[in-house]
């Protein structure tokens, strides 16, 4: 597997997002000096209400930083104040711009204090990020979350290869399902992705529509060590640009 690891470059503002490009941003949600009151002011009432429902302060802080960062990034592309960005949600929870006429498409994923954001112009996009940690029940999870063909490949791997293969398969499947706008609502046995160590990331089969596998490109990302991620893009991948800020981009929020 070849994953996009570098360069993840810091930047004050990205170049113009063209239809041939995909922009990926990484952000650390555990920002001790985060000015939470300032960041909260960029959120809509529903987001602030959701933040208050978290039982643990760490989770609440991560949600505020993550959602404020999303709004800051959207504001960069739309040349809009973050608080004015109209975010809506699809039938299965995929975030989108309430103004459906705008070609900007985006998706996000977070895991254990880290987050990645994907942006494209006129093409659906999905991204998934996972924290690679030891689990006692990889085989059991694979039986539930993978297709029959994926399980066949998974079981044929040596035990020492299965942990990496599990997260490789999981992130690729989730990125595709999120790009389609279904997330967990898309039954995992309805589509198959590659997961063998020497196989490039790809959607191999889908029972949803004929020709579906040829409509999507999957790419592996490695924004941090031990945090594998995957990107699903409608059409061709084109140019993939990866950006990061040493501290969350929300530092540039309006006062």
Protein backbone atom coordinates (compact mmCIF):
# COMPACT_ATOMS: atom_id res chain seq x y z
CA UNK A 1 0.00 0.00 0.00
CA UNK A 2 1.27 3.47 -0.90
CA UNK A 3 -0.31 6.23 1.19
CA UNK A 4 -0.06 9.97 0.69
CA UNK A 5 2.12 11.03 3.62
CA UNK A 6 3.72 14.30 2.54
CA UNK A 7 3.94 17.11 2.00
CA UNK A 8 1.29 18.30 4.42
CA UNK A 9 2.08 21.99 4.12
CA UNK A 10 1.03 24.88 6.34
CA UNK A 11 -0.70 27.70 4.48
CA UNK A 12 -2.70 30.81 5.30
CA UNK A 13 -5.01 30.21 2.36
CA UNK A 14 -5.15 27.44 -0.27
CA UNK A 15 -4.90 28.05 -4.00
CA UNK A 16 -8.06 28.14 -6.07
CA UNK A 17 -9.91 24.84 -5.89
CA UNK A 18 -10.28 23.70 -9.50
CA UNK A 19 -12.49 20.82 -10.73
CA UNK A 20 -9.33 18.77 -11.29
CA UNK A 21 -8.09 19.13 -7.70
CA UNK A 22 -8.91 17.79 -4.26
CA UNK A 23 -7.77 19.60 -1.13
CA UNK A 24 -7.17 17.70 2.11
CA UNK A 25 -6.66 19.47 5.44
CA UNK A 26 -5.50 17.97 8.73
CA UNK A 27 -6.19 19.49 12.14
CA UNK A 28 -5.34 18.63 15.72
CA UNK A 29 -8.50 19.00 17.82
CA UNK A 30 -6.65 18.87 21.16
CA UNK A 31 -5.62 22.52 21.25
CA UNK A 32 -5.09 23.49 24.94
CA UNK A 33 -5.08 27.22 24.19
CA UNK A 34 -8.19 27.11 21.99
CA UNK A 35 -10.32 30.23 22.63
CA UNK A 36 -13.54 28.28 23.00
CA UNK A 37 -15.86 31.28 23.47
CA UNK A 38 -14.54 32.77 20.23
CA UNK A 39 -14.87 29.48 18.37
CA UNK A 40 -18.37 28.86 19.71
CA UNK A 41 -19.52 32.13 18.19
CA UNK A 42 -18.82 30.70 14.72
CA UNK A 43 -21.21 27.79 15.33
CA UNK A 44 -24.91 27.80 14.55
CA UNK A 45 -27.46 27.35 17.38
CA UNK A 46 -27.91 23.66 16.58
CA UNK A 47 -24.15 23.08 16.77
CA UNK A 48 -23.86 24.93 20.07
CA UNK A 49 -26.73 22.88 21.45
CA UNK A 50 -25.04 19.68 20.32
CA UNK A 51 -21.79 20.75 21.98
CA UNK A 52 -23.58 21.21 25.30
CA UNK A 53 -24.91 17.65 25.21
CA UNK A 54 -21.46 16.05 25.46
CA UNK A 55 -20.89 14.40 28.83
CA UNK A 56 -17.12 14.88 28.85
CA UNK A 57 -15.36 18.23 28.55
CA UNK A 58 -12.65 16.81 26.26
CA UNK A 59 -15.27 15.62 23.77
CA UNK A 60 -17.06 18.96 23.91
CA UNK A 61 -13.83 20.87 23.23
CA UNK A 62 -12.93 18.60 20.33
CA UNK A 63 -16.36 19.05 18.77
CA UNK A 64 -16.19 22.84 19.04
CA UNK A 65 -12.66 23.04 17.61
CA UNK A 66 -13.51 20.56 14.84
CA UNK A 67 -16.73 22.24 13.77
CA UNK A 68 -15.22 25.73 13.99
CA UNK A 69 -12.29 24.54 11.85
CA UNK A 70 -14.72 23.22 9.25
CA UNK A 71 -16.50 26.57 9.16
CA UNK A 72 -13.19 28.45 8.86
CA UNK A 73 -12.14 26.29 5.93
CA UNK A 74 -15.48 26.62 4.20
CA UNK A 75 -15.23 30.36 4.75
CA UNK A 76 -11.87 30.41 2.97
CA UNK A 77 -13.29 28.72 -0.10
CA UNK A 78 -16.56 30.66 -0.11
CA UNK A 79 -14.98 33.97 0.93
CA UNK A 80 -17.54 34.15 3.70
CA UNK A 81 -17.58 34.66 7.44
CA UNK A 82 -17.48 31.23 9.13
CA UNK A 83 -20.64 31.90 11.12
CA UNK A 84 -22.50 32.72 7.89
CA UNK A 85 -21.70 29.44 6.09
CA UNK A 86 -25.04 27.63 5.58
CA UNK A 87 -24.37 23.98 6.49
CA UNK A 88 -27.13 21.44 5.95
CA UNK A 89 -27.30 17.64 6.08
CA UNK A 90 -28.41 14.92 3.69
CA UNK A 91 -30.91 12.19 4.48
CA UNK A 92 -28.19 10.04 6.10
CA UNK A 93 -26.27 12.83 7.81
CA UNK A 94 -23.73 13.85 5.17
CA UNK A 95 -22.88 17.55 5.63
CA UNK A 96 -23.39 19.80 2.64
CA UNK A 97 -23.94 23.42 1.76
CA UNK A 98 -27.56 24.50 2.17
CA UNK A 99 -27.16 26.39 -1.11
CA UNK A 100 -27.25 23.33 -3.35
CA UNK A 101 -26.34 25.44 -6.39
CA UNK A 102 -22.74 25.92 -5.21
CA UNK A 103 -20.29 23.35 -6.67
CA UNK A 104 -18.17 23.05 -3.49
CA UNK A 105 -18.33 19.54 -2.01
CA UNK A 106 -16.74 18.54 1.29
CA UNK A 107 -16.49 15.81 3.87
CA UNK A 108 -14.75 15.30 7.21
CA UNK A 109 -13.71 12.62 9.65
CA UNK A 110 -12.25 12.65 13.15
CA UNK A 111 -10.69 10.10 15.46
CA UNK A 112 -9.03 10.41 18.88
CA UNK A 113 -8.39 14.14 18.72
CA UNK A 114 -7.39 14.32 15.03
CA UNK A 115 -9.46 15.43 12.05
CA UNK A 116 -9.21 15.50 8.26
CA UNK A 117 -11.30 17.56 5.86
CA UNK A 118 -11.69 17.00 2.11
CA UNK A 119 -12.86 19.58 -0.44
CA UNK A 120 -13.60 19.26 -4.15
CA UNK A 121 -15.35 21.25 -6.84
CA UNK A 122 -18.37 19.64 -8.50
CA UNK A 123 -17.47 16.07 -7.54
CA UNK A 124 -18.66 14.10 -4.54
CA UNK A 125 -15.95 13.29 -2.02
CA UNK A 126 -15.69 11.22 1.15
CA UNK A 127 -12.94 10.77 3.72
CA UNK A 128 -12.44 8.51 6.72
CA UNK A 129 -9.81 8.64 9.47
CA UNK A 130 -9.13 5.98 12.10
CA UNK A 131 -6.77 5.62 15.02
CA UNK A 132 -4.76 2.44 14.45
CA UNK A 133 -4.83 0.62 17.78
CA UNK A 134 -4.79 -3.01 18.84
CA UNK A 135 -8.21 -4.66 19.01
CA UNK A 136 -8.96 -8.09 20.41
CA UNK A 137 -11.66 -8.93 17.90
CA UNK A 138 -10.44 -8.00 14.41
CA UNK A 139 -11.78 -11.26 12.95
CA UNK A 140 -15.20 -10.82 14.53
CA UNK A 141 -15.48 -7.21 13.38
CA UNK A 142 -14.46 -8.16 9.85
CA UNK A 143 -17.23 -10.77 9.68
CA UNK A 144 -19.78 -8.06 10.41
CA UNK A 145 -18.30 -5.06 8.59
CA UNK A 146 -16.75 -6.60 5.44
CA UNK A 147 -18.24 -8.20 2.36
CA UNK A 148 -17.89 -11.90 1.63
CA UNK A 149 -15.05 -11.28 -0.83
CA UNK A 150 -13.27 -8.96 1.58
CA UNK A 151 -13.51 -11.54 4.35
CA UNK A 152 -12.08 -14.18 2.05
CA UNK A 153 -9.00 -12.03 1.40
CA UNK A 154 -8.76 -11.02 5.06
CA UNK A 155 -8.79 -14.61 6.34
CA UNK A 156 -6.07 -15.60 3.87
CA UNK A 157 -3.64 -13.07 5.36
CA UNK A 158 -1.07 -13.98 7.96
CA UNK A 159 -2.12 -12.94 11.49
CA UNK A 160 0.52 -10.21 11.65
CA UNK A 161 -0.93 -8.62 8.48
CA UNK A 162 -4.54 -8.46 9.63
CA UNK A 163 -4.44 -5.37 11.81
CA UNK A 164 -3.18 -3.12 9.01
CA UNK A 165 -5.51 -4.82 6.52
CA UNK A 166 -8.49 -4.26 8.79
CA UNK A 167 -7.98 -0.49 9.01
CA UNK A 168 -7.08 -0.34 5.33
CA UNK A 169 -10.38 -1.96 4.37
CA UNK A 170 -12.43 -0.08 6.96
CA UNK A 171 -11.23 3.40 5.93
CA UNK A 172 -11.66 2.68 2.22
CA UNK A 173 -15.20 1.37 2.72
CA UNK A 174 -16.19 4.27 4.95
CA UNK A 175 -14.73 6.89 2.59
CA UNK A 176 -16.76 5.48 -0.29
CA UNK A 177 -19.97 5.13 1.74
CA UNK A 178 -19.61 8.71 2.99
CA UNK A 179 -18.94 10.02 -0.52
CA UNK A 180 -22.16 8.37 -1.63
CA UNK A 181 -23.97 10.11 1.24
CA UNK A 182 -24.94 6.92 3.04
CA UNK A 183 -22.30 6.30 5.70
CA UNK A 184 -23.30 3.34 7.89
CA UNK A 185 -26.68 3.21 6.14
CA UNK A 186 -24.98 1.50 3.18
CA UNK A 187 -24.84 -2.22 3.97
CA UNK A 188 -21.17 -3.34 3.98
CA UNK A 189 -21.90 -6.47 1.96
CA UNK A 190 -23.23 -4.35 -0.92
CA UNK A 191 -19.78 -3.28 -2.07
CA UNK A 192 -16.19 -4.54 -2.01
CA UNK A 193 -12.88 -2.70 -1.79
CA UNK A 194 -9.30 -3.92 -2.09
CA UNK A 195 -7.39 -4.70 1.10
CA UNK A 196 -4.46 -6.98 0.27
CA UNK A 197 -1.09 -5.42 1.23
CA UNK A 198 0.10 -5.23 -2.38
CA UNK A 199 -3.22 -4.10 -3.89
CA UNK A 200 -3.79 -0.43 -4.77
CA UNK A 201 -6.78 1.22 -3.14
CA UNK A 202 -9.85 0.59 -5.29
CA UNK A 203 -13.58 0.01 -5.27
CA UNK A 204 -13.77 -3.45 -6.84
CA UNK A 205 -17.48 -4.10 -6.93
CA UNK A 206 -20.82 -2.53 -6.05
CA UNK A 207 -24.29 -4.04 -6.15
CA UNK A 208 -25.87 -0.60 -6.09
CA UNK A 209 -25.48 0.41 -9.74
CA UNK A 210 -23.82 -1.01 -12.82
CA UNK A 211 -20.51 0.67 -13.60
CA UNK A 212 -20.28 2.09 -10.07
CA UNK A 213 -16.74 0.81 -9.48
CA UNK A 214 -15.48 2.77 -12.48
CA UNK A 215 -16.97 6.03 -11.21
CA UNK A 216 -14.77 6.33 -8.12
CA UNK A 217 -11.11 6.63 -7.22
CA UNK A 218 -9.86 5.61 -3.77
CA UNK A 219 -6.61 6.87 -2.27
CA UNK A 220 -4.88 6.06 1.01
CA UNK A 221 -3.73 8.90 3.27
CA UNK A 222 -1.46 8.94 6.29
CA UNK A 223 -1.88 12.38 7.90
CA UNK A 224 -0.16 11.24 11.12
CA UNK A 225 1.68 8.08 12.17
CA UNK A 226 -0.83 5.49 13.39
CA UNK A 227 -3.75 7.37 11.81
CA UNK A 228 -4.59 5.73 8.48
CA UNK A 229 -7.18 7.45 6.33
CA UNK A 230 -8.77 7.02 2.92
CA UNK A 231 -10.23 9.35 0.33
CA UNK A 232 -12.98 8.55 -2.17
CA UNK A 233 -13.44 10.90 -5.12
CA UNK A 234 -16.01 10.80 -7.88
CA UNK A 235 -14.31 10.63 -11.27
CA UNK A 236 -10.52 10.89 -11.38
CA UNK A 237 -8.41 11.92 -8.41
CA UNK A 238 -6.55 14.63 -10.32
CA UNK A 239 -4.24 16.69 -8.14
CA UNK A 240 -4.41 16.02 -4.40
CA UNK A 241 -3.05 18.83 -2.24
CA UNK A 242 -2.52 18.26 1.49
CA UNK A 243 -2.46 21.14 3.95
CA UNK A 244 -2.08 21.53 7.67
CA UNK A 245 -1.76 24.19 10.32
CA UNK A 246 0.50 23.66 13.37
CA UNK A 247 -2.50 24.74 15.41
CA UNK A 248 -6.12 24.57 14.26
CA UNK A 249 -6.89 27.03 11.53
CA UNK A 250 -9.60 28.38 13.78
CA UNK A 251 -6.86 30.61 15.28
CA UNK A 252 -7.82 32.98 12.41
CA UNK A 253 -11.42 33.23 13.56
CA UNK A 254 -13.01 36.70 13.64
CA UNK A 255 -12.84 38.52 16.95
